[in-house]
Amino acid sequence: MIQESLMPILAQLPNPEPQAPPGSEQILGVVGNIKWGAGVALLVGFFVGVLVWAGGRWVDHHRAGKVGVVMMLCALGGGILYGIGYQLLTHFAGV
């Protein structure tokens, strides 16, 4: 009964378009800087992993070689997540 009386009133309510809040440009700038830093960190992590792996193999230190391989694989996995993260978020958000 209450639902039947409220539905015509609720159907007349307007649906306003979303607006960005004031200062959103600065927030997007900070997010862009963080994204840039994450990309640089992934590249540095990969190449440091290559150096650790090569150094471990050079001095025949197998544990260092394994740590270098793990660093490279983590950097590659992070790069994949970095590349598909935006697409996954926009897909799940329905944007």
C-alpha atoms as a PDB file:
ATOM      1  CA  MET A   1       0.000   0.000   0.000  1.00  0.00           C
ATOM      2  CA  ILE A   2       2.751   2.453   0.896  1.00  0.00           C
ATOM      3  CA  GLN A   3       4.720   1.367  -2.153  1.00  0.00           C
ATOM      4  CA  GLU A   4       1.785   2.061  -4.464  1.00  0.00           C
ATOM      5  CA  SER A   5       1.393   5.579  -3.119  1.00  0.00           C
ATOM      6  CA  LEU A   6       5.115   6.403  -3.246  1.00  0.00           C
ATOM      7  CA  MET A   7       5.908   5.098  -6.738  1.00  0.00           C
ATOM      8  CA  PRO A   8       4.297   7.977  -8.678  1.00  0.00           C
ATOM      9  CA  ILE A   9       6.113  10.503  -6.497  1.00  0.00           C
ATOM     10  CA  LEU A  10       9.467   8.749  -6.884  1.00  0.00           C
ATOM     11  CA  ALA A  11       9.012   8.462 -10.660  1.00  0.00           C
ATOM     12  CA  GLN A  12       8.866  12.266 -10.930  1.00  0.00           C
ATOM     13  CA  LEU A  13      12.212  12.892  -9.215  1.00  0.00           C
ATOM     14  CA  PRO A  14      14.899  14.195 -11.623  1.00  0.00           C
ATOM     15  CA  ASN A  15      18.128  12.299 -12.231  1.00  0.00           C
ATOM     16  CA  PRO A  16      20.933  14.922 -12.197  1.00  0.00           C
ATOM     17  CA  GLU A  17      24.152  14.397 -14.133  1.00  0.00           C
ATOM     18  CA  PRO A  18      27.281  13.729 -12.044  1.00  0.00           C
ATOM     19  CA  GLN A  19      29.685  16.622 -11.602  1.00  0.00           C
ATOM     20  CA  ALA A  20      33.314  16.560 -10.579  1.00  0.00           C
ATOM     21  CA  PRO A  21      33.913  18.117  -7.161  1.00  0.00           C
ATOM     22  CA  PRO A  22      36.033  21.251  -6.856  1.00  0.00           C
ATOM     23  CA  GLY A  23      39.731  20.437  -6.781  1.00  0.00           C
ATOM     24  CA  SER A  24      39.382  17.182  -8.693  1.00  0.00           C
ATOM     25  CA  GLU A  25      42.071  18.283 -11.171  1.00  0.00           C
ATOM     26  CA  GLN A  26      44.662  18.284  -8.383  1.00  0.00           C
ATOM     27  CA  ILE A  27      43.524  14.849  -7.207  1.00  0.00           C
ATOM     28  CA  LEU A  28      43.833  13.486 -10.742  1.00  0.00           C
ATOM     29  CA  GLY A  29      47.306  15.024 -10.957  1.00  0.00           C
ATOM     30  CA  VAL A  30      48.369  13.252  -7.761  1.00  0.00           C
ATOM     31  CA  VAL A  31      46.959   9.952  -9.012  1.00  0.00           C
ATOM     32  CA  GLY A  32      48.817  10.418 -12.307  1.00  0.00           C
ATOM     33  CA  ASN A  33      52.069  11.038 -10.432  1.00  0.00           C
ATOM     34  CA  ILE A  34      51.543   7.914  -8.330  1.00  0.00           C
ATOM     35  CA  LYS A  35      50.841   5.890 -11.472  1.00  0.00           C
ATOM     36  CA  TRP A  36      54.008   7.212 -13.093  1.00  0.00           C
ATOM     37  CA  GLY A  37      56.021   6.344  -9.974  1.00  0.00           C
ATOM     38  CA  ALA A  38      54.571   2.831  -9.935  1.00  0.00           C
ATOM     39  CA  GLY A  39      55.635   2.311 -13.549  1.00  0.00           C
ATOM     40  CA  VAL A  40      59.159   3.488 -12.796  1.00  0.00           C
ATOM     41  CA  ALA A  41      59.290   1.240  -9.709  1.00  0.00           C
ATOM     42  CA  LEU A  42      58.281  -1.758 -11.822  1.00  0.00           C
ATOM     43  CA  LEU A  43      61.027  -1.061 -14.347  1.00  0.00           C
ATOM     44  CA  VAL A  44      63.642  -0.505 -11.638  1.00  0.00           C
ATOM     45  CA  GLY A  45      62.539  -3.692  -9.848  1.00  0.00           C
ATOM     46  CA  PHE A  46      62.868  -5.722 -13.019  1.00  0.00           C
ATOM     47  CA  PHE A  47      66.330  -4.457 -13.892  1.00  0.00           C
ATOM     48  CA  VAL A  48      67.584  -4.764 -10.308  1.00  0.00           C
ATOM     49  CA  GLY A  49      66.289  -8.347 -10.411  1.00  0.00           C
ATOM     50  CA  VAL A  50      68.302  -8.922 -13.585  1.00  0.00           C
ATOM     51  CA  LEU A  51      71.403  -7.555 -11.858  1.00  0.00           C
ATOM     52  CA  VAL A  52      70.855  -9.701  -8.745  1.00  0.00           C
ATOM     53  CA  TRP A  53      70.252 -12.784 -10.883  1.00  0.00           C
ATOM     54  CA  ALA A  54      73.350 -12.154 -13.012  1.00  0.00           C
ATOM     55  CA  GLY A  55      75.479 -11.397  -9.947  1.00  0.00           C
ATOM     56  CA  GLY A  56      74.263 -14.524  -8.187  1.00  0.00           C
ATOM     57  CA  ARG A  57      75.108 -16.670 -11.201  1.00  0.00           C
ATOM     58  CA  TRP A  58      78.446 -14.941 -11.662  1.00  0.00           C
ATOM     59  CA  VAL A  59      79.644 -15.702  -8.119  1.00  0.00           C
ATOM     60  CA  ASP A  60      77.809 -19.069  -8.075  1.00  0.00           C
ATOM     61  CA  HIS A  61      75.468 -18.019  -5.262  1.00  0.00           C
ATOM     62  CA  HIS A  62      72.282 -19.917  -6.069  1.00  0.00           C
ATOM     63  CA  ARG A  63      70.108 -18.179  -3.482  1.00  0.00           C
ATOM     64  CA  ALA A  64      70.898 -14.751  -4.929  1.00  0.00           C
ATOM     65  CA  GLY A  65      70.096 -16.106  -8.382  1.00  0.00           C
ATOM     66  CA  LYS A  66      66.712 -17.324  -7.143  1.00  0.00           C
ATOM     67  CA  VAL A  67      65.982 -13.995  -5.442  1.00  0.00           C
ATOM     68  CA  GLY A  68      66.756 -12.209  -8.715  1.00  0.00           C
ATOM     69  CA  VAL A  69      64.374 -14.484 -10.627  1.00  0.00           C
ATOM     70  CA  VAL A  70      61.636 -13.851  -8.049  1.00  0.00           C
ATOM     71  CA  MET A  71      62.211 -10.096  -8.335  1.00  0.00           C
ATOM     72  CA  MET A  72      61.907 -10.262 -12.125  1.00  0.00           C
ATOM     73  CA  LEU A  73      58.740 -12.369 -11.947  1.00  0.00           C
ATOM     74  CA  CYS A  74      57.174 -10.020  -9.394  1.00  0.00           C
ATOM     75  CA  ALA A  75      57.979  -7.057 -11.628  1.00  0.00           C
ATOM     76  CA  LEU A  76      56.438  -8.826 -14.632  1.00  0.00           C
ATOM     77  CA  GLY A  77      53.327  -9.757 -12.643  1.00  0.00           C
ATOM     78  CA  GLY A  78      53.050  -6.206 -11.370  1.00  0.00           C
ATOM     79  CA  GLY A  79      53.410  -4.909 -14.920  1.00  0.00           C
ATOM     80  CA  ILE A  80      50.565  -7.133 -16.079  1.00  0.00           C
ATOM     81  CA  LEU A  81      48.362  -5.923 -13.222  1.00  0.00           C
ATOM     82  CA  TYR A  82      49.441  -2.345 -13.963  1.00  0.00           C
ATOM     83  CA  GLY A  83      48.393  -2.764 -17.587  1.00  0.00           C
ATOM     84  CA  ILE A  84      45.016  -4.418 -17.033  1.00  0.00           C
ATOM     85  CA  GLY A  85      44.070  -2.753 -13.747  1.00  0.00           C
ATOM     86  CA  TYR A  86      42.329   0.223 -15.332  1.00  0.00           C
ATOM     87  CA  GLN A  87      40.344  -1.973 -17.706  1.00  0.00           C
ATOM     88  CA  LEU A  88      39.247  -4.269 -14.872  1.00  0.00           C
ATOM     89  CA  LEU A  89      38.167  -1.373 -12.666  1.00  0.00           C
ATOM     90  CA  THR A  90      36.186   0.340 -15.404  1.00  0.00           C
ATOM     91  CA  HIS A  91      34.588  -2.971 -16.419  1.00  0.00           C
ATOM     92  CA  PHE A  92      33.482  -3.819 -12.884  1.00  0.00           C
ATOM     93  CA  ALA A  93      32.348  -0.239 -12.242  1.00  0.00           C
ATOM     94  CA  GLY A  94      30.258  -0.312 -15.408  1.00  0.00           C
ATOM     95  CA  VAL A  95      31.712   2.939 -16.730  1.00  0.00           C
END
